[in-house]
Every structure is written in structure tokens, then in C-alpha cells.
Amino acid sequence: MTISYLGHASFLLETKDGTRILTDPYPQSVFPHPVAAADVVTLSHDHFDHSDTTQVLGPFQVVKGLESVTYREVTITCCPCFHDPERGRLRGENRAYIFRAEGLKIVHLGDLGEAPSPALLQAAAGADMLFVPVGGTFTLTGEQAAEAVKALRPKLAVPMHFRCPGHDFSVLTTPAPFLAALSDRPVHRLTELIAPFPAGVGVLEPLRA
């Protein structure tokens, strides 16, 4: 499997057989990024910066509910959670998606804004890769995201939803607080990830348009 980062909370997962899964597509106004083709698109919630399917080349299947989906060799399951620490009162619901393919377990936490619930701990624990929001304000802070990583115990933690040059959301922080809170783990700075994945923290450079 090969994984590319399109910025914000959007990743493109491509299996060896050519199946392409895209997470949380978003508008170019947030961050200029390539428009990718996909077979399946997952939406962690309905906010504009996580659900802009006009940024995807098709045809594609949209997954945005709680049902389990199998597409070719990829199985996708969902664990409902919340966008804020007040059980959605501030920003609504969120969906964490778990992808299984090629013997790998990959978890995308969407805009998680609360500590992992017992259900999420069970569904996502021990993943080969965990995409975790770290920018704060709308999601977990870097320090809170590090605590979530320690609780979920992925082989590789990949920060997302953070501020970087050219990103329109200036209220977000960079990954620096997250990395500082996990300073005991090796950091891999990469342009893409190819299985088998390394252990530690993987900071991916977003692809630009």
C-alpha cells in the first residue's frame, strides 16, 4: 500500500491492486492541492473542509455513515465519536474510519475533539497507522493528540489537520507540540508512505497543486 497526503485531513490510500481510497476531501481555498481520482471517498463529518467531493475524480462511492463497507479487497468500518469534548454540543458528531487491506489496519480519526471513548479504544487500538488531528481549536490539541496516540498504541502515528505554509486556517497550530509530547519516538519526515510502515511518528509533506 502507498499513502499520499493531500493536506488537511485528506489522504489517498492506494493498494497494490490499484484500489484508491480518499479521505475527507476539501476545497482548494483551504490549501491548494491536487485533485485525485478515487474509487471510494470517506467523509468523517459534513463540515465543508471535510466533505467537498467536487475535488475528487470519479466515478466513486461515498462512505459517510456507520455501515461497514467492503470494496474489492478493502474493508471499511466506522466508530462514531464527537467533534468536541461536550459530546457534539459545540461542533457535532464525527466518524472514525478503520480500513483493513493487505493485512494492515489503518485508522483515520477525522476531526476527533474528545479523548478516545472505550468504543474507539477497542475499535482503533493497535493499528499499523493512525491519522490523528493535532492542530487544536477545532480538534485535539497536540498534547491531547499525543495522549490519544499513547492510548491507542499504533505502530505509526501520522499528524494531520495542522497549520503549514499556504494553509488558510491560521488558528491551527503546527505539529510541533504534538512532536514534543512524543519526543521519545523516532520521527520520519516523508513525502509518501509505502508499506511496510516504520514505527514512531510519520510527518508527511502535503502534496501541492
N, C-alpha and C. Protein backbone atom coordinates (compact mmCIF):
# COMPACT_ATOMS: atom_id res chain seq x y z
N MET A 1 0.84 -1.20 0.00
CA MET A 1 0.00 0.00 0.00
C MET A 1 0.88 1.24 0.00
N THR A 2 0.41 2.25 -0.73
CA THR A 2 1.09 3.54 -0.77
C THR A 2 0.12 4.61 -0.30
N ILE A 3 0.61 5.54 0.52
CA ILE A 3 -0.23 6.59 1.08
C ILE A 3 0.39 7.95 0.81
N SER A 4 -0.43 8.84 0.25
CA SER A 4 -0.01 10.21 -0.01
C SER A 4 -0.89 11.16 0.80
N TYR A 5 -0.33 12.31 1.15
CA TYR A 5 -1.05 13.30 1.95
C TYR A 5 -1.41 14.49 1.07
N LEU A 6 -2.71 14.76 0.95
CA LEU A 6 -3.18 15.88 0.15
C LEU A 6 -3.40 17.13 0.99
N GLY A 7 -3.03 17.08 2.26
CA GLY A 7 -3.20 18.21 3.15
C GLY A 7 -4.46 18.10 3.97
N HIS A 8 -4.50 18.92 5.06
CA HIS A 8 -5.63 18.99 5.99
C HIS A 8 -5.89 17.58 6.56
N ALA A 9 -7.04 16.95 6.29
CA ALA A 9 -7.29 15.59 6.77
C ALA A 9 -7.49 14.62 5.62
N SER A 10 -6.92 14.96 4.46
CA SER A 10 -7.16 14.18 3.24
C SER A 10 -5.93 13.35 2.87
N PHE A 11 -6.14 12.04 2.81
CA PHE A 11 -5.09 11.10 2.42
C PHE A 11 -5.60 10.22 1.28
N LEU A 12 -4.69 9.82 0.43
CA LEU A 12 -5.01 8.89 -0.65
C LEU A 12 -4.29 7.58 -0.36
N LEU A 13 -5.08 6.52 -0.16
CA LEU A 13 -4.56 5.19 0.09
C LEU A 13 -4.72 4.37 -1.18
N GLU A 14 -3.64 3.81 -1.67
CA GLU A 14 -3.70 3.02 -2.90
C GLU A 14 -3.12 1.63 -2.65
N THR A 15 -3.93 0.61 -2.87
CA THR A 15 -3.48 -0.76 -2.66
C THR A 15 -2.64 -1.24 -3.84
N LYS A 16 -2.00 -2.37 -3.66
CA LYS A 16 -1.19 -2.94 -4.74
C LYS A 16 -2.04 -3.31 -5.95
N ASP A 17 -3.32 -3.61 -5.71
CA ASP A 17 -4.23 -3.97 -6.80
C ASP A 17 -4.87 -2.75 -7.47
N GLY A 18 -4.51 -1.55 -6.98
CA GLY A 18 -4.98 -0.34 -7.63
C GLY A 18 -6.23 0.29 -7.06
N THR A 19 -6.77 -0.24 -5.97
CA THR A 19 -7.91 0.40 -5.33
C THR A 19 -7.45 1.68 -4.64
N ARG A 20 -8.24 2.76 -4.86
CA ARG A 20 -7.86 4.06 -4.33
C ARG A 20 -8.94 4.57 -3.37
N ILE A 21 -8.54 4.80 -2.13
CA ILE A 21 -9.44 5.30 -1.09
C ILE A 21 -8.99 6.71 -0.73
N LEU A 22 -9.92 7.67 -0.74
CA LEU A 22 -9.60 9.06 -0.40
C LEU A 22 -10.40 9.47 0.83
N THR A 23 -9.73 10.09 1.78
CA THR A 23 -10.41 10.55 2.99
C THR A 23 -10.61 12.07 2.96
N ASP A 24 -11.76 12.51 3.44
CA ASP A 24 -12.05 13.91 3.76
C ASP A 24 -11.57 14.93 2.72
N PRO A 25 -12.12 14.90 1.50
CA PRO A 25 -11.73 15.91 0.51
C PRO A 25 -12.19 17.30 0.93
N TYR A 26 -11.46 18.32 0.50
CA TYR A 26 -11.74 19.68 0.97
C TYR A 26 -11.46 20.69 -0.13
N PRO A 27 -11.97 21.94 0.00
CA PRO A 27 -11.83 22.93 -1.07
C PRO A 27 -10.41 23.43 -1.26
N GLN A 28 -10.13 23.89 -2.46
CA GLN A 28 -8.83 24.46 -2.76
C GLN A 28 -8.57 25.73 -1.96
N SER A 29 -9.62 26.40 -1.52
CA SER A 29 -9.44 27.64 -0.76
C SER A 29 -8.76 27.40 0.59
N VAL A 30 -8.88 26.19 1.11
CA VAL A 30 -8.24 25.87 2.38
C VAL A 30 -6.74 25.66 2.19
N PHE A 31 -6.39 24.93 1.14
CA PHE A 31 -4.98 24.64 0.83
C PHE A 31 -4.93 24.13 -0.60
N PRO A 32 -4.16 24.74 -1.48
CA PRO A 32 -4.11 24.28 -2.88
C PRO A 32 -3.49 22.88 -2.96
N HIS A 33 -4.25 21.94 -3.51
CA HIS A 33 -3.79 20.55 -3.53
C HIS A 33 -4.24 19.88 -4.82
N PRO A 34 -3.62 18.77 -5.20
CA PRO A 34 -4.04 18.05 -6.41
C PRO A 34 -5.44 17.47 -6.27
N VAL A 35 -6.15 17.39 -7.38
CA VAL A 35 -7.43 16.69 -7.43
C VAL A 35 -7.15 15.24 -7.82
N ALA A 36 -7.50 14.31 -6.96
CA ALA A 36 -7.15 12.91 -7.16
C ALA A 36 -8.35 12.09 -7.60
N ALA A 37 -8.10 11.02 -8.32
CA ALA A 37 -9.13 10.03 -8.65
C ALA A 37 -9.22 9.02 -7.51
N ALA A 38 -10.44 8.56 -7.25
CA ALA A 38 -10.64 7.58 -6.18
C ALA A 38 -11.78 6.65 -6.53
N ASP A 39 -11.76 5.47 -5.92
CA ASP A 39 -12.86 4.52 -6.03
C ASP A 39 -13.85 4.68 -4.89
N VAL A 40 -13.32 5.02 -3.71
CA VAL A 40 -14.14 5.21 -2.52
C VAL A 40 -13.68 6.48 -1.82
N VAL A 41 -14.63 7.28 -1.34
CA VAL A 41 -14.35 8.51 -0.60
C VAL A 41 -15.04 8.43 0.75
N THR A 42 -14.28 8.57 1.84
CA THR A 42 -14.87 8.57 3.18
C THR A 42 -14.94 10.00 3.70
N LEU A 43 -16.06 10.31 4.37
CA LEU A 43 -16.28 11.64 4.94
C LEU A 43 -16.47 11.49 6.45
N SER A 44 -15.56 12.03 7.22
CA SER A 44 -15.65 11.87 8.68
C SER A 44 -16.80 12.67 9.28
N HIS A 45 -17.19 13.77 8.61
CA HIS A 45 -18.34 14.56 9.01
C HIS A 45 -18.66 15.52 7.87
N ASP A 46 -19.71 16.31 8.04
CA ASP A 46 -20.24 17.07 6.92
C ASP A 46 -19.74 18.51 6.84
N HIS A 47 -18.76 18.90 7.63
CA HIS A 47 -18.24 20.26 7.52
C HIS A 47 -17.56 20.46 6.16
N PHE A 48 -17.58 21.70 5.67
CA PHE A 48 -17.17 21.96 4.29
C PHE A 48 -15.74 21.54 4.00
N ASP A 49 -14.88 21.58 5.02
CA ASP A 49 -13.47 21.28 4.80
C ASP A 49 -13.15 19.79 4.97
N HIS A 50 -14.21 18.96 4.98
CA HIS A 50 -14.02 17.51 5.07
C HIS A 50 -14.97 16.74 4.14
N SER A 51 -15.71 17.45 3.30
CA SER A 51 -16.75 16.76 2.54
C SER A 51 -16.96 17.33 1.13
N ASP A 52 -15.91 17.92 0.56
CA ASP A 52 -16.05 18.53 -0.76
C ASP A 52 -15.73 17.51 -1.85
N THR A 53 -16.73 16.73 -2.24
CA THR A 53 -16.49 15.68 -3.23
C THR A 53 -16.30 16.22 -4.64
N THR A 54 -16.48 17.54 -4.83
CA THR A 54 -16.15 18.11 -6.15
C THR A 54 -14.66 18.07 -6.41
N GLN A 55 -13.88 17.81 -5.37
CA GLN A 55 -12.43 17.76 -5.50
C GLN A 55 -11.92 16.35 -5.79
N VAL A 56 -12.83 15.45 -6.19
CA VAL A 56 -12.46 14.06 -6.45
C VAL A 56 -12.88 13.68 -7.86
N LEU A 57 -12.01 12.99 -8.57
CA LEU A 57 -12.34 12.47 -9.89
C LEU A 57 -12.97 11.10 -9.74
N GLY A 58 -14.03 10.83 -10.48
CA GLY A 58 -14.77 9.58 -10.31
C GLY A 58 -14.79 8.71 -11.54
N PRO A 59 -15.73 7.76 -11.51
CA PRO A 59 -16.80 7.57 -10.51
C PRO A 59 -16.26 7.01 -9.20
N PHE A 60 -16.98 7.33 -8.11
CA PHE A 60 -16.54 6.86 -6.80
C PHE A 60 -17.75 6.63 -5.91
N GLN A 61 -17.55 5.80 -4.89
CA GLN A 61 -18.57 5.50 -3.88
C GLN A 61 -18.27 6.35 -2.65
N VAL A 62 -19.30 7.00 -2.11
CA VAL A 62 -19.14 7.83 -0.91
C VAL A 62 -19.55 7.03 0.32
N VAL A 63 -18.69 7.05 1.33
CA VAL A 63 -18.99 6.39 2.60
C VAL A 63 -19.02 7.48 3.67
N LYS A 64 -20.19 7.68 4.29
CA LYS A 64 -20.30 8.70 5.33
C LYS A 64 -21.25 8.29 6.45
N GLY A 65 -21.48 7.00 6.56
CA GLY A 65 -22.36 6.51 7.60
C GLY A 65 -21.66 5.53 8.51
N LEU A 66 -22.47 4.82 9.28
CA LEU A 66 -21.93 3.89 10.26
C LEU A 66 -21.83 2.46 9.74
N GLU A 67 -22.30 2.24 8.50
CA GLU A 67 -22.32 0.89 7.98
C GLU A 67 -20.90 0.42 7.62
N SER A 68 -20.69 -0.89 7.66
CA SER A 68 -19.44 -1.48 7.18
C SER A 68 -19.53 -1.64 5.66
N VAL A 69 -18.43 -1.36 5.00
CA VAL A 69 -18.38 -1.40 3.54
C VAL A 69 -17.18 -2.23 3.11
N THR A 70 -17.37 -3.09 2.12
CA THR A 70 -16.25 -3.80 1.51
C THR A 70 -16.19 -3.43 0.04
N TYR A 71 -15.05 -2.95 -0.38
CA TYR A 71 -14.84 -2.61 -1.79
C TYR A 71 -13.60 -3.34 -2.25
N ARG A 72 -13.80 -4.31 -3.17
CA ARG A 72 -12.70 -5.17 -3.60
C ARG A 72 -12.02 -5.76 -2.37
N GLU A 73 -10.75 -5.45 -2.16
CA GLU A 73 -10.02 -6.07 -1.06
C GLU A 73 -9.99 -5.21 0.20
N VAL A 74 -10.68 -4.08 0.21
CA VAL A 74 -10.64 -3.14 1.33
C VAL A 74 -11.94 -3.22 2.13
N THR A 75 -11.82 -3.40 3.44
CA THR A 75 -12.97 -3.36 4.34
C THR A 75 -12.91 -2.08 5.17
N ILE A 76 -14.04 -1.38 5.25
CA ILE A 76 -14.10 -0.11 5.97
C ILE A 76 -15.17 -0.22 7.05
N THR A 77 -14.78 0.03 8.28
CA THR A 77 -15.74 0.07 9.38
C THR A 77 -15.66 1.44 10.04
N CYS A 78 -16.69 1.75 10.82
CA CYS A 78 -16.82 3.08 11.40
C CYS A 78 -17.03 3.00 12.90
N CYS A 79 -16.44 3.95 13.62
CA CYS A 79 -16.70 4.09 15.05
C CYS A 79 -17.15 5.52 15.29
N PRO A 80 -18.41 5.74 15.68
CA PRO A 80 -18.88 7.10 15.93
C PRO A 80 -18.21 7.72 17.15
N CYS A 81 -17.96 9.01 17.07
CA CYS A 81 -17.35 9.74 18.17
C CYS A 81 -17.79 11.20 18.03
N PHE A 82 -17.09 12.13 18.70
CA PHE A 82 -17.56 13.51 18.71
C PHE A 82 -16.47 14.50 18.33
N HIS A 83 -16.92 15.62 17.78
CA HIS A 83 -16.06 16.68 17.28
C HIS A 83 -15.57 17.60 18.40
N ASP A 84 -16.09 17.42 19.60
CA ASP A 84 -15.74 18.30 20.71
C ASP A 84 -15.89 17.52 22.02
N PRO A 85 -15.37 18.07 23.12
CA PRO A 85 -15.42 17.34 24.40
C PRO A 85 -16.77 17.40 25.09
N GLU A 86 -17.77 18.03 24.45
CA GLU A 86 -19.11 18.11 25.05
C GLU A 86 -20.11 17.25 24.27
N ARG A 87 -19.62 16.12 23.78
CA ARG A 87 -20.44 15.12 23.10
C ARG A 87 -21.22 15.71 21.92
N GLY A 88 -20.52 16.57 21.18
CA GLY A 88 -21.09 17.11 19.96
C GLY A 88 -21.91 18.37 20.12
N ARG A 89 -22.07 18.87 21.33
CA ARG A 89 -22.91 20.06 21.52
C ARG A 89 -22.32 21.27 20.79
N LEU A 90 -20.99 21.34 20.69
CA LEU A 90 -20.35 22.50 20.08
C LEU A 90 -20.19 22.36 18.57
N ARG A 91 -19.77 21.18 18.11
CA ARG A 91 -19.45 21.03 16.69
C ARG A 91 -20.05 19.79 16.04
N GLY A 92 -20.79 19.02 16.78
CA GLY A 92 -21.47 17.89 16.16
C GLY A 92 -20.72 16.57 16.30
N GLU A 93 -21.19 15.63 15.50
CA GLU A 93 -20.64 14.28 15.54
C GLU A 93 -19.46 14.13 14.59
N ASN A 94 -18.71 13.08 14.79
CA ASN A 94 -17.54 12.76 13.98
C ASN A 94 -17.52 11.25 13.79
N ARG A 95 -16.87 10.80 12.72
CA ARG A 95 -16.77 9.37 12.46
C ARG A 95 -15.30 9.00 12.26
N ALA A 96 -14.83 8.06 13.06
CA ALA A 96 -13.50 7.49 12.83
C ALA A 96 -13.67 6.28 11.92
N TYR A 97 -12.84 6.21 10.88
CA TYR A 97 -12.93 5.08 9.95
C TYR A 97 -11.71 4.19 10.09
N ILE A 98 -11.98 2.88 10.06
CA ILE A 98 -10.93 1.87 10.16
C ILE A 98 -10.88 1.13 8.83
N PHE A 99 -9.72 1.15 8.21
CA PHE A 99 -9.51 0.50 6.92
C PHE A 99 -8.65 -0.75 7.13
N ARG A 100 -9.09 -1.85 6.52
CA ARG A 100 -8.30 -3.08 6.58
C ARG A 100 -8.06 -3.58 5.15
N ALA A 101 -6.79 -3.74 4.81
CA ALA A 101 -6.40 -4.23 3.49
C ALA A 101 -4.95 -4.68 3.54
N GLU A 102 -4.65 -5.71 2.80
CA GLU A 102 -3.27 -6.21 2.69
C GLU A 102 -2.67 -6.55 4.05
N GLY A 103 -3.53 -7.01 4.96
CA GLY A 103 -3.07 -7.38 6.30
C GLY A 103 -2.77 -6.19 7.20
N LEU A 104 -3.17 -4.98 6.78
CA LEU A 104 -2.91 -3.76 7.55
C LEU A 104 -4.19 -3.22 8.15
N LYS A 105 -4.06 -2.54 9.27
CA LYS A 105 -5.16 -1.82 9.92
C LYS A 105 -4.77 -0.36 10.00
N ILE A 106 -5.57 0.49 9.34
CA ILE A 106 -5.28 1.91 9.27
C ILE A 106 -6.49 2.67 9.79
N VAL A 107 -6.26 3.62 10.69
CA VAL A 107 -7.35 4.34 11.34
C VAL A 107 -7.24 5.83 11.05
N HIS A 108 -8.35 6.42 10.61
CA HIS A 108 -8.45 7.86 10.37
C HIS A 108 -9.43 8.43 11.40
N LEU A 109 -8.96 9.32 12.27
CA LEU A 109 -9.78 9.81 13.37
C LEU A 109 -10.64 11.01 13.00
N GLY A 110 -10.57 11.48 11.75
CA GLY A 110 -11.38 12.63 11.37
C GLY A 110 -11.07 13.82 12.26
N ASP A 111 -12.11 14.60 12.60
CA ASP A 111 -11.94 15.76 13.47
C ASP A 111 -12.26 15.39 14.91
N LEU A 112 -11.57 14.41 15.43
CA LEU A 112 -11.80 14.00 16.82
C LEU A 112 -11.50 15.16 17.75
N GLY A 113 -12.45 15.47 18.64
CA GLY A 113 -12.26 16.57 19.58
C GLY A 113 -12.41 16.17 21.02
N GLU A 114 -12.42 14.88 21.30
CA GLU A 114 -12.57 14.35 22.65
C GLU A 114 -11.54 13.26 22.87
N ALA A 115 -11.29 12.92 24.13
CA ALA A 115 -10.44 11.78 24.42
C ALA A 115 -11.09 10.52 23.87
N PRO A 116 -10.31 9.56 23.38
CA PRO A 116 -10.92 8.35 22.81
C PRO A 116 -11.84 7.65 23.81
N SER A 117 -13.04 7.34 23.35
CA SER A 117 -14.02 6.64 24.17
C SER A 117 -13.61 5.17 24.29
N PRO A 118 -14.22 4.43 25.23
CA PRO A 118 -13.94 2.99 25.30
C PRO A 118 -14.21 2.28 23.97
N ALA A 119 -15.28 2.69 23.27
CA ALA A 119 -15.58 2.05 21.98
C ALA A 119 -14.48 2.34 20.96
N LEU A 120 -13.98 3.57 20.93
CA LEU A 120 -12.92 3.91 19.99
C LEU A 120 -11.61 3.24 20.38
N LEU A 121 -11.34 3.16 21.66
CA LEU A 121 -10.14 2.45 22.12
C LEU A 121 -10.14 1.01 21.63
N GLN A 122 -11.30 0.38 21.70
CA GLN A 122 -11.41 -1.01 21.27
C GLN A 122 -11.31 -1.14 19.76
N ALA A 123 -11.97 -0.24 19.03
CA ALA A 123 -12.02 -0.34 17.57
C ALA A 123 -10.70 0.01 16.91
N ALA A 124 -9.96 0.96 17.49
CA ALA A 124 -8.78 1.51 16.82
C ALA A 124 -7.46 1.09 17.44
N ALA A 125 -7.47 0.44 18.58
CA ALA A 125 -6.23 0.12 19.26
C ALA A 125 -5.33 -0.77 18.41
N GLY A 126 -4.04 -0.52 18.50
CA GLY A 126 -3.06 -1.37 17.85
C GLY A 126 -3.01 -1.29 16.35
N ALA A 127 -3.41 -0.15 15.78
CA ALA A 127 -3.38 0.00 14.33
C ALA A 127 -1.95 0.05 13.81
N ASP A 128 -1.79 -0.34 12.57
CA ASP A 128 -0.49 -0.16 11.91
C ASP A 128 -0.22 1.31 11.66
N MET A 129 -1.28 2.08 11.40
CA MET A 129 -1.14 3.51 11.18
C MET A 129 -2.37 4.23 11.72
N LEU A 130 -2.12 5.39 12.35
CA LEU A 130 -3.18 6.21 12.90
C LEU A 130 -3.02 7.64 12.39
N PHE A 131 -4.04 8.14 11.67
CA PHE A 131 -4.08 9.53 11.27
C PHE A 131 -4.81 10.30 12.37
N VAL A 132 -4.12 11.26 13.00
CA VAL A 132 -4.66 11.92 14.18
C VAL A 132 -4.59 13.44 14.02
N PRO A 133 -5.72 14.16 14.28
CA PRO A 133 -5.68 15.62 14.19
C PRO A 133 -4.90 16.21 15.36
N VAL A 134 -4.07 17.22 15.09
CA VAL A 134 -3.18 17.74 16.13
C VAL A 134 -3.22 19.26 16.24
N GLY A 135 -4.00 19.94 15.40
CA GLY A 135 -3.90 21.40 15.31
C GLY A 135 -4.65 22.19 16.35
N GLY A 136 -5.48 21.53 17.17
CA GLY A 136 -6.23 22.25 18.18
C GLY A 136 -7.35 23.10 17.61
N THR A 137 -7.93 23.95 18.45
CA THR A 137 -9.05 24.85 18.15
C THR A 137 -10.32 24.07 17.80
N PHE A 138 -10.28 23.31 16.71
CA PHE A 138 -11.45 22.54 16.28
C PHE A 138 -11.35 21.07 16.66
N THR A 139 -10.17 20.63 17.03
CA THR A 139 -9.92 19.21 17.30
C THR A 139 -9.04 19.09 18.54
N LEU A 140 -8.48 17.92 18.73
CA LEU A 140 -7.50 17.73 19.78
C LEU A 140 -6.31 18.67 19.61
N THR A 141 -5.76 19.13 20.73
CA THR A 141 -4.50 19.86 20.67
C THR A 141 -3.36 18.86 20.44
N GLY A 142 -2.18 19.38 20.20
CA GLY A 142 -1.04 18.49 20.00
C GLY A 142 -0.80 17.61 21.20
N GLU A 143 -0.90 18.18 22.39
CA GLU A 143 -0.68 17.40 23.61
C GLU A 143 -1.78 16.36 23.80
N GLN A 144 -3.02 16.73 23.55
CA GLN A 144 -4.13 15.78 23.66
C GLN A 144 -4.01 14.67 22.62
N ALA A 145 -3.59 15.04 21.42
CA ALA A 145 -3.40 14.03 20.37
C ALA A 145 -2.31 13.04 20.76
N ALA A 146 -1.26 13.53 21.41
CA ALA A 146 -0.20 12.62 21.86
C ALA A 146 -0.73 11.64 22.90
N GLU A 147 -1.61 12.11 23.79
CA GLU A 147 -2.21 11.21 24.77
C GLU A 147 -3.08 10.17 24.09
N ALA A 148 -3.79 10.58 23.04
CA ALA A 148 -4.61 9.62 22.29
C ALA A 148 -3.73 8.56 21.63
N VAL A 149 -2.60 8.98 21.09
CA VAL A 149 -1.67 8.03 20.48
C VAL A 149 -1.17 7.03 21.51
N LYS A 150 -0.84 7.52 22.68
CA LYS A 150 -0.35 6.62 23.74
C LYS A 150 -1.44 5.62 24.15
N ALA A 151 -2.70 6.06 24.12
CA ALA A 151 -3.79 5.16 24.50
C ALA A 151 -4.10 4.15 23.40
N LEU A 152 -4.01 4.57 22.13
CA LEU A 152 -4.39 3.71 21.01
C LEU A 152 -3.25 2.82 20.53
N ARG A 153 -2.02 3.20 20.81
CA ARG A 153 -0.83 2.37 20.55
C ARG A 153 -0.65 1.95 19.08
N PRO A 154 -0.73 2.87 18.14
CA PRO A 154 -0.45 2.50 16.75
C PRO A 154 1.03 2.26 16.53
N LYS A 155 1.36 1.51 15.51
CA LYS A 155 2.77 1.37 15.14
C LYS A 155 3.33 2.70 14.67
N LEU A 156 2.55 3.40 13.83
CA LEU A 156 2.97 4.69 13.28
C LEU A 156 1.83 5.69 13.46
N ALA A 157 2.14 6.84 14.04
CA ALA A 157 1.17 7.92 14.20
C ALA A 157 1.49 9.01 13.19
N VAL A 158 0.48 9.45 12.45
CA VAL A 158 0.67 10.46 11.41
C VAL A 158 -0.20 11.67 11.74
N PRO A 159 0.41 12.83 12.05
CA PRO A 159 -0.39 14.02 12.35
C PRO A 159 -1.07 14.58 11.11
N MET A 160 -2.24 15.18 11.32
CA MET A 160 -2.99 15.83 10.25
C MET A 160 -3.74 17.02 10.84
N HIS A 161 -4.41 17.79 9.98
CA HIS A 161 -5.24 18.91 10.42
C HIS A 161 -4.42 19.90 11.23
N PHE A 162 -3.32 20.35 10.64
CA PHE A 162 -2.43 21.30 11.30
C PHE A 162 -2.09 22.45 10.35
N ARG A 163 -1.50 23.49 10.89
CA ARG A 163 -1.12 24.63 10.08
C ARG A 163 0.22 24.37 9.40
N CYS A 164 0.27 24.73 8.12
CA CYS A 164 1.50 24.65 7.37
C CYS A 164 1.53 25.82 6.39
N PRO A 165 2.68 26.14 5.78
CA PRO A 165 2.73 27.27 4.85
C PRO A 165 1.69 27.12 3.74
N GLY A 166 0.89 28.17 3.52
CA GLY A 166 -0.14 28.14 2.50
C GLY A 166 -1.49 27.68 2.99
N HIS A 167 -1.59 27.23 4.26
CA HIS A 167 -2.84 26.75 4.82
C HIS A 167 -3.66 27.93 5.29
N ASP A 168 -4.96 27.94 4.98
CA ASP A 168 -5.82 29.08 5.27
C ASP A 168 -6.26 29.14 6.73
N PHE A 169 -6.16 28.05 7.48
CA PHE A 169 -6.64 28.03 8.86
C PHE A 169 -5.51 28.44 9.81
N SER A 170 -5.32 29.74 9.97
CA SER A 170 -4.20 30.24 10.77
C SER A 170 -4.38 29.96 12.25
N VAL A 171 -5.61 29.62 12.69
CA VAL A 171 -5.84 29.35 14.12
C VAL A 171 -5.29 28.00 14.54
N LEU A 172 -4.97 27.15 13.59
CA LEU A 172 -4.40 25.85 13.94
C LEU A 172 -2.93 26.00 14.30
N THR A 173 -2.44 25.07 15.12
CA THR A 173 -1.01 25.04 15.42
C THR A 173 -0.28 24.14 14.43
N THR A 174 1.02 24.24 14.41
CA THR A 174 1.85 23.31 13.65
C THR A 174 1.92 21.99 14.41
N PRO A 175 2.56 20.96 13.84
CA PRO A 175 2.70 19.69 14.59
C PRO A 175 3.70 19.75 15.74
N ALA A 176 4.37 20.89 15.95
CA ALA A 176 5.45 20.95 16.93
C ALA A 176 5.04 20.50 18.34
N PRO A 177 3.91 20.97 18.89
CA PRO A 177 3.54 20.49 20.24
C PRO A 177 3.29 18.99 20.29
N PHE A 178 2.71 18.45 19.24
CA PHE A 178 2.47 17.01 19.16
C PHE A 178 3.79 16.24 19.16
N LEU A 179 4.74 16.69 18.35
CA LEU A 179 6.03 16.02 18.26
C LEU A 179 6.79 16.13 19.59
N ALA A 180 6.69 17.29 20.24
CA ALA A 180 7.37 17.47 21.52
C ALA A 180 6.83 16.51 22.58
N ALA A 181 5.52 16.28 22.54
CA ALA A 181 4.90 15.39 23.52
C ALA A 181 5.21 13.92 23.26
N LEU A 182 5.71 13.61 22.06
CA LEU A 182 6.11 12.24 21.72
C LEU A 182 7.60 12.20 21.39
N SER A 183 8.38 12.97 22.13
CA SER A 183 9.80 13.13 21.80
C SER A 183 10.62 11.86 21.99
N ASP A 184 10.04 10.86 22.66
CA ASP A 184 10.74 9.59 22.85
C ASP A 184 10.62 8.66 21.65
N ARG A 185 9.87 9.09 20.61
CA ARG A 185 9.65 8.23 19.45
C ARG A 185 10.38 8.77 18.23
N PRO A 186 10.88 7.89 17.38
CA PRO A 186 11.55 8.37 16.16
C PRO A 186 10.57 9.09 15.24
N VAL A 187 11.03 10.15 14.59
CA VAL A 187 10.21 10.93 13.67
C VAL A 187 10.72 10.71 12.25
N HIS A 188 9.83 10.35 11.36
CA HIS A 188 10.15 10.12 9.96
C HIS A 188 9.47 11.21 9.13
N ARG A 189 10.25 12.02 8.44
CA ARG A 189 9.70 13.08 7.58
C ARG A 189 9.76 12.60 6.14
N LEU A 190 8.57 12.41 5.54
CA LEU A 190 8.47 11.71 4.27
C LEU A 190 7.55 12.45 3.32
N THR A 191 7.65 12.13 2.03
CA THR A 191 6.71 12.65 1.03
C THR A 191 5.58 11.67 0.76
N GLU A 192 5.80 10.40 1.05
CA GLU A 192 4.75 9.39 0.97
C GLU A 192 5.13 8.21 1.84
N LEU A 193 4.16 7.36 2.11
CA LEU A 193 4.40 6.17 2.91
C LEU A 193 4.15 4.93 2.07
N ILE A 194 5.06 3.99 2.13
CA ILE A 194 4.92 2.74 1.41
C ILE A 194 5.10 1.59 2.41
N ALA A 195 4.13 0.67 2.43
CA ALA A 195 4.22 -0.47 3.35
C ALA A 195 5.42 -1.34 2.99
N PRO A 196 6.09 -1.93 4.03
CA PRO A 196 5.79 -1.88 5.46
C PRO A 196 6.14 -0.53 6.07
N PHE A 197 5.29 -0.05 6.96
CA PHE A 197 5.46 1.28 7.52
C PHE A 197 6.45 1.26 8.68
N PRO A 198 7.20 2.33 8.87
CA PRO A 198 8.12 2.39 10.01
C PRO A 198 7.36 2.59 11.31
N ALA A 199 8.04 2.44 12.42
CA ALA A 199 7.45 2.68 13.73
C ALA A 199 7.80 4.09 14.18
N GLY A 200 6.90 4.69 14.96
CA GLY A 200 7.16 6.01 15.51
C GLY A 200 6.12 7.01 15.05
N VAL A 201 6.60 8.17 14.58
CA VAL A 201 5.75 9.24 14.10
C VAL A 201 6.16 9.57 12.66
N GLY A 202 5.18 9.66 11.77
CA GLY A 202 5.46 9.98 10.38
C GLY A 202 4.85 11.33 10.01
N VAL A 203 5.69 12.29 9.69
CA VAL A 203 5.22 13.61 9.28
C VAL A 203 5.30 13.68 7.76
N LEU A 204 4.14 13.73 7.12
CA LEU A 204 4.09 13.71 5.66
C LEU A 204 4.01 15.14 5.11
N GLU A 205 4.76 15.39 4.06
CA GLU A 205 4.71 16.67 3.37
C GLU A 205 3.46 16.68 2.48
N PRO A 206 2.58 17.67 2.64
CA PRO A 206 1.37 17.70 1.80
C PRO A 206 1.72 17.92 0.34
N LEU A 207 1.02 17.24 -0.54
CA LEU A 207 1.16 17.48 -1.98
C LEU A 207 0.49 18.81 -2.32
N ARG A 208 1.09 19.56 -3.21
CA ARG A 208 0.55 20.86 -3.60
C ARG A 208 0.14 20.83 -5.05
N ALA A 209 -0.88 21.63 -5.36
CA ALA A 209 -1.37 21.71 -6.73
C ALA A 209 -0.30 22.34 -7.63
